[in-house]
Protein backbone atom coordinates (compact mmCIF):
# COMPACT_ATOMS: atom_id res chain seq x y z
CA MET A 1 34.78 4.89 22.72
CA PHE A 2 35.51 6.99 19.70
CA LEU A 3 38.46 7.69 17.44
CA ILE A 4 40.32 10.99 17.62
CA TYR A 5 42.28 12.14 14.60
CA GLY A 6 45.37 14.12 15.47
CA GLY A 7 47.28 16.65 13.45
CA GLY A 8 50.08 15.66 11.13
CA GLU A 9 50.24 13.21 8.28
CA LEU A 10 48.83 9.71 8.55
CA ILE A 11 51.43 7.04 9.23
CA LEU A 12 50.12 3.57 8.58
CA GLU A 13 51.60 0.94 10.89
CA GLY A 14 50.39 -2.34 12.29
CA TYR A 15 50.72 -4.05 15.65
CA SER A 16 50.29 -7.76 16.02
CA ASP A 17 49.81 -9.95 19.06
CA ALA A 18 48.44 -13.44 19.52
CA SER A 19 46.70 -15.40 22.18
CA PHE A 20 48.34 -18.83 22.27
CA LYS A 21 45.23 -20.46 23.73
CA SER A 22 42.80 -18.98 21.24
CA ASP A 23 39.93 -21.49 21.14
CA ASP A 24 37.56 -20.27 23.86
CA ASP A 25 35.34 -23.36 23.68
CA ASP A 26 37.89 -25.95 24.73
CA ALA A 27 41.02 -23.90 25.60
CA LYS A 28 43.05 -25.93 23.10
CA SER A 29 45.80 -24.18 21.25
CA GLN A 30 45.30 -23.51 17.56
CA SER A 31 49.06 -23.68 17.00
CA ASP A 32 52.02 -25.67 18.27
CA SER A 33 54.01 -22.78 19.73
CA THR A 34 53.85 -19.15 20.73
CA THR A 35 56.10 -18.28 17.79
CA GLU A 36 53.72 -20.00 15.38
CA ALA A 37 50.70 -18.23 16.88
CA GLU A 38 52.49 -14.88 16.63
CA TYR A 39 53.60 -15.59 13.05
CA ILE A 40 50.04 -16.42 11.99
CA ALA A 41 48.64 -13.32 13.72
CA THR A 42 51.34 -11.14 12.14
CA SER A 43 50.59 -12.60 8.72
CA GLU A 44 46.92 -11.68 9.10
CA ALA A 45 47.80 -8.19 10.34
CA ALA A 46 50.18 -7.65 7.42
CA LYS A 47 47.54 -8.71 4.88
CA GLU A 48 45.10 -6.16 6.30
CA ALA A 49 47.74 -3.42 6.51
CA VAL A 50 48.96 -3.92 2.95
CA TRP A 51 45.37 -3.92 1.68
CA MET A 52 44.76 -0.63 3.51
CA LYS A 53 48.02 0.82 2.18
CA ASN A 54 47.03 -0.06 -1.40
CA TYR A 55 43.56 1.42 -0.91
CA ILE A 56 44.93 4.70 0.49
CA GLN A 57 47.53 4.79 -2.28
CA GLU A 58 44.77 4.52 -4.90
CA LEU A 59 43.03 7.51 -3.33
CA GLY A 60 46.24 9.52 -3.79
CA VAL A 61 45.75 11.65 -0.67
CA ILE A 62 48.84 10.74 1.37
CA PRO A 63 52.21 11.00 -0.42
CA SER A 64 54.22 8.97 2.12
CA ILE A 65 51.90 5.95 1.86
CA ALA A 66 54.22 4.44 -0.78
CA GLU A 67 56.67 3.50 2.00
CA PRO A 68 56.50 -0.08 3.35
CA VAL A 69 54.01 -0.54 6.18
CA VAL A 70 55.81 -1.28 9.44
CA ILE A 71 54.32 -4.25 11.28
CA PHE A 72 55.33 -4.39 14.94
CA CYS A 73 55.52 -7.75 16.68
CA ASP A 74 56.75 -8.70 20.15
CA ASN A 75 58.03 -12.16 19.20
CA ASN A 76 61.60 -12.48 17.88
CA GLY A 77 60.94 -15.92 16.39
CA ALA A 78 57.98 -14.70 14.33
CA ILE A 79 60.02 -11.73 13.07
CA ALA A 80 62.91 -14.03 12.09
CA GLN A 81 60.54 -16.38 10.23
CA ALA A 82 58.99 -13.49 8.32
CA LYS A 83 62.40 -12.25 7.20
CA GLU A 84 63.68 -15.72 6.22
CA PRO A 85 63.07 -16.32 2.50
CA ARG A 86 63.31 -20.12 2.80
CA ALA A 87 61.16 -22.59 4.65
CA HIS A 88 62.68 -23.82 7.89
CA HIS A 89 62.18 -27.30 9.33
CA ARG A 90 60.55 -25.73 12.40
CA SER A 91 57.93 -23.95 10.30
CA LYS A 92 57.18 -26.61 7.67
CA HIS A 93 53.83 -27.47 9.27
CA ILE A 94 52.52 -23.87 9.13
CA LEU A 95 49.90 -23.57 6.41
CA ARG A 96 51.22 -22.08 3.17
CA ARG A 97 48.71 -19.23 3.19
CA TYR A 98 50.44 -17.70 6.20
CA HIS A 99 53.78 -17.59 4.37
CA LEU A 100 52.39 -14.74 2.27
CA LEU A 101 53.97 -12.64 5.02
CA ARG A 102 57.44 -13.65 3.77
CA GLU A 103 56.50 -12.59 0.24
CA MET A 104 55.16 -9.23 1.41
CA VAL A 105 58.37 -8.57 3.37
CA SER A 106 60.63 -9.60 0.46
CA ARG A 107 58.62 -7.46 -2.03
CA GLY A 108 58.90 -4.45 0.27
CA ASP A 109 55.15 -4.13 0.90
CA CYS A 110 55.80 -4.26 4.62
CA ARG A 111 58.67 -4.61 7.03
CA MET A 112 58.87 -6.23 10.43
CA ASP A 113 60.05 -4.42 13.55
CA ARG A 114 60.27 -5.51 17.17
CA VAL A 115 58.18 -3.89 19.86
CA SER A 116 58.42 -4.77 23.54
CA SER A 117 55.46 -6.63 24.98
CA THR A 118 54.65 -3.73 27.29
CA GLU A 119 54.57 -1.27 24.35
CA ASN A 120 52.58 -3.48 21.96
CA THR A 121 49.45 -1.53 21.06
CA ALA A 122 47.61 -4.77 20.18
CA ASP A 123 47.87 -6.10 23.76
CA PRO A 124 44.42 -4.95 24.96
CA LEU A 125 42.90 -7.19 22.29
CA THR A 126 44.61 -10.36 23.53
CA LYS A 127 45.16 -10.17 27.28
CA PRO A 128 43.89 -8.65 30.49
CA MET A 129 45.77 -5.63 31.84
CA SER A 130 45.47 -2.95 34.47
CA GLN A 131 43.16 -0.03 33.80
CA ILE A 132 46.11 2.37 33.58
CA ALA A 133 47.94 0.19 31.01
CA HIS A 134 44.70 -0.34 29.08
CA THR A 135 44.05 3.41 28.90
CA GLN A 136 47.64 4.06 27.76
CA HIS A 137 47.28 1.51 24.96
CA LEU A 138 43.95 3.01 23.88
CA ASP A 139 45.61 6.45 23.77
CA LYS A 140 48.24 5.06 21.38
CA MET A 141 45.44 3.80 19.14
CA GLY A 142 43.78 7.21 19.16
CA LEU A 143 40.77 5.89 21.08
CA ARG A 144 39.26 7.81 23.98
CA SER A 145 36.24 7.32 26.16
CA MET A 146 33.78 10.13 25.57
CA GLY A 147 33.89 11.20 29.23
CA ASP A 148 37.70 11.32 29.40
CA TRP A 149 37.92 13.29 26.18
CA LEU A 150 35.29 15.80 27.26
CA ARG A 151 36.92 16.29 30.66
CA SER A 152 40.46 16.60 29.29
CA SER A 153 39.44 19.00 26.54
CA GLY A 154 37.60 21.30 28.95
CA ARG A 155 34.38 20.85 27.02
CA LEU A 156 31.35 19.26 28.64
CA LEU A 157 31.60 17.75 32.09
CA ARG A 158 28.27 16.11 32.88
CA ILE A 159 25.61 14.03 31.15
CA GLY A 160 23.24 16.94 31.70
CA ASP A 161 25.60 19.12 29.67
CA LEU A 162 25.53 16.55 26.88
CA LYS A 163 21.73 16.58 26.80
CA ALA A 164 21.59 20.37 27.00
CA ASN A 165 23.89 20.67 23.99
CA GLY A 166 22.03 18.07 21.94
CA ILE A 167 24.85 15.52 21.93
CA ALA A 168 23.86 11.88 21.67
CA TYR A 169 25.68 9.50 24.00
CA MET A 170 25.58 5.81 24.85
């Protein structure tokens, strides 16, 4: 896999998804509900996205980076919690560090938007899917397999062509 940069200006956005049963060793849930798992995952994604936004802003190379980073999530409950400025009795047991998401939303560092589960670009990182769906999600991320990219671009078609042109491959 490798990353392909397209034309146009960079738009920084984040996609968040969670695996409710996230402890591989004993298959126990690390949270009490799907909404909580999604909220925690979205909080972590937002922290990374806002850090990246601030870093790019310091570089001064992309004028539109001052806009809030859009974080897409496929869980309505997690989105509602992030937009709610007060603690709710259903979320009182969530560790305080994850509520930084609320602060980032209220400050305007990021904003939450809904994405359907089938369109969530983060899905290949949390669940199995068909090869076609997996490839479509990778396309959205800008990731391509070397072979697919070479074939679709009309460049090299065979491993022998790679070797003949001095291109390293794995």
